[in-house]
């Protein structure tokens, strides 16, 4: 289940930010996607800190904040 959730999360992230992704953000994303699905999910849900995961880096923190940013609903979006 965690694998599917993380795949959806990464897919949404890329859909939102891929066209403007910087080299630094790309490095942070690469670091995060190298984690196990459960570790990445724990970071995304704030059940684990970057310090606990030994990933206390600005690039990783920036991408994690972007991953956590709520999706903005479109006016004509059906929920």
C-alpha atoms as a PDB file:
ATOM      1  CA  UNK A   1       0.000   0.000   0.000  1.00  0.00           C
ATOM      2  CA  UNK A   2       2.808   2.436   0.859  1.00  0.00           C
ATOM      3  CA  UNK A   3       4.363   1.853  -2.574  1.00  0.00           C
ATOM      4  CA  UNK A   4       1.200   2.916  -4.380  1.00  0.00           C
ATOM      5  CA  UNK A   5       0.760   5.972  -2.176  1.00  0.00           C
ATOM      6  CA  UNK A   6       4.330   7.067  -2.780  1.00  0.00           C
ATOM      7  CA  UNK A   7       4.046   6.488  -6.540  1.00  0.00           C
ATOM      8  CA  UNK A   8       0.976   8.727  -6.603  1.00  0.00           C
ATOM      9  CA  UNK A   9       2.718  11.330  -4.461  1.00  0.00           C
ATOM     10  CA  UNK A  10       5.782  11.444  -6.735  1.00  0.00           C
ATOM     11  CA  UNK A  11       3.595  11.502  -9.855  1.00  0.00           C
ATOM     12  CA  UNK A  12       1.657  14.497  -8.512  1.00  0.00           C
ATOM     13  CA  UNK A  13       4.889  16.220  -7.506  1.00  0.00           C
ATOM     14  CA  UNK A  14       6.353  15.839 -10.971  1.00  0.00           C
ATOM     15  CA  UNK A  15       3.109  16.956 -12.589  1.00  0.00           C
ATOM     16  CA  UNK A  16       3.192  20.137 -10.529  1.00  0.00           C
ATOM     17  CA  UNK A  17       6.879  21.000 -10.429  1.00  0.00           C
ATOM     18  CA  UNK A  18       8.782  19.109 -13.139  1.00  0.00           C
ATOM     19  CA  UNK A  19       8.875  21.972 -15.643  1.00  0.00           C
ATOM     20  CA  UNK A  20      10.515  24.301 -13.091  1.00  0.00           C
ATOM     21  CA  UNK A  21      12.652  21.773 -11.202  1.00  0.00           C
ATOM     22  CA  UNK A  22      16.128  23.102 -10.396  1.00  0.00           C
ATOM     23  CA  UNK A  23      19.265  20.983 -10.279  1.00  0.00           C
ATOM     24  CA  UNK A  24      19.287  21.283  -6.488  1.00  0.00           C
ATOM     25  CA  UNK A  25      15.653  20.166  -6.243  1.00  0.00           C
ATOM     26  CA  UNK A  26      16.372  17.299  -8.599  1.00  0.00           C
ATOM     27  CA  UNK A  27      19.175  16.154  -6.306  1.00  0.00           C
ATOM     28  CA  UNK A  28      16.877  16.354  -3.295  1.00  0.00           C
ATOM     29  CA  UNK A  29      14.185  14.388  -5.117  1.00  0.00           C
ATOM     30  CA  UNK A  30      16.718  11.765  -6.123  1.00  0.00           C
ATOM     31  CA  UNK A  31      17.799  11.382  -2.506  1.00  0.00           C
ATOM     32  CA  UNK A  32      14.220  11.014  -1.315  1.00  0.00           C
ATOM     33  CA  UNK A  33      13.220   8.522  -3.995  1.00  0.00           C
ATOM     34  CA  UNK A  34      16.222   6.359  -3.102  1.00  0.00           C
ATOM     35  CA  UNK A  35      14.609   5.742   0.304  1.00  0.00           C
ATOM     36  CA  UNK A  36      12.336   2.812   0.958  1.00  0.00           C
ATOM     37  CA  UNK A  37       8.660   3.546   0.404  1.00  0.00           C
ATOM     38  CA  UNK A  38       7.944   3.303   4.119  1.00  0.00           C
ATOM     39  CA  UNK A  39      10.762   5.710   5.041  1.00  0.00           C
ATOM     40  CA  UNK A  40       9.623   8.215   2.427  1.00  0.00           C
ATOM     41  CA  UNK A  41       6.040   7.924   3.613  1.00  0.00           C
ATOM     42  CA  UNK A  42       7.151   8.455   7.228  1.00  0.00           C
ATOM     43  CA  UNK A  43       9.016  11.613   6.212  1.00  0.00           C
ATOM     44  CA  UNK A  44       6.096  12.903   4.167  1.00  0.00           C
ATOM     45  CA  UNK A  45       3.663  12.319   7.021  1.00  0.00           C
ATOM     46  CA  UNK A  46       6.135  13.813   9.536  1.00  0.00           C
ATOM     47  CA  UNK A  47       6.319  10.582  11.509  1.00  0.00           C
ATOM     48  CA  UNK A  48      10.081  10.853  11.099  1.00  0.00           C
ATOM     49  CA  UNK A  49      12.270  13.967  10.843  1.00  0.00           C
ATOM     50  CA  UNK A  50      15.019  14.574   8.314  1.00  0.00           C
ATOM     51  CA  UNK A  51      17.515  14.506  11.175  1.00  0.00           C
ATOM     52  CA  UNK A  52      16.263  11.083  12.254  1.00  0.00           C
ATOM     53  CA  UNK A  53      16.665   9.854   8.673  1.00  0.00           C
ATOM     54  CA  UNK A  54      20.176  11.386   8.523  1.00  0.00           C
ATOM     55  CA  UNK A  55      19.011  13.628   5.657  1.00  0.00           C
ATOM     56  CA  UNK A  56      19.323  17.050   7.260  1.00  0.00           C
ATOM     57  CA  UNK A  57      20.056  18.862   3.959  1.00  0.00           C
ATOM     58  CA  UNK A  58      18.524  21.972   2.413  1.00  0.00           C
ATOM     59  CA  UNK A  59      17.799  20.324  -0.957  1.00  0.00           C
ATOM     60  CA  UNK A  60      15.978  17.421   0.663  1.00  0.00           C
ATOM     61  CA  UNK A  61      14.066  19.731   3.024  1.00  0.00           C
ATOM     62  CA  UNK A  62      12.955  21.931   0.105  1.00  0.00           C
ATOM     63  CA  UNK A  63      11.618  18.990  -1.915  1.00  0.00           C
ATOM     64  CA  UNK A  64       9.915  17.488   1.125  1.00  0.00           C
ATOM     65  CA  UNK A  65       8.129  20.811   1.722  1.00  0.00           C
ATOM     66  CA  UNK A  66       7.061  20.819  -1.919  1.00  0.00           C
ATOM     67  CA  UNK A  67       5.765  17.242  -1.611  1.00  0.00           C
ATOM     68  CA  UNK A  68       3.740  18.215   1.442  1.00  0.00           C
ATOM     69  CA  UNK A  69       2.215  21.286  -0.209  1.00  0.00           C
ATOM     70  CA  UNK A  70      -1.521  20.690  -0.654  1.00  0.00           C
ATOM     71  CA  UNK A  71      -2.896  20.503  -4.154  1.00  0.00           C
ATOM     72  CA  UNK A  72      -4.821  23.573  -5.192  1.00  0.00           C
ATOM     73  CA  UNK A  73      -8.286  22.790  -6.412  1.00  0.00           C
ATOM     74  CA  UNK A  74      -9.387  24.077  -9.774  1.00  0.00           C
ATOM     75  CA  UNK A  75     -12.677  25.964 -10.055  1.00  0.00           C
ATOM     76  CA  UNK A  76     -14.377  23.335 -12.179  1.00  0.00           C
ATOM     77  CA  UNK A  77     -12.806  20.323 -10.419  1.00  0.00           C
ATOM     78  CA  UNK A  78     -15.238  17.648  -9.301  1.00  0.00           C
ATOM     79  CA  UNK A  79     -14.469  16.049  -5.956  1.00  0.00           C
END
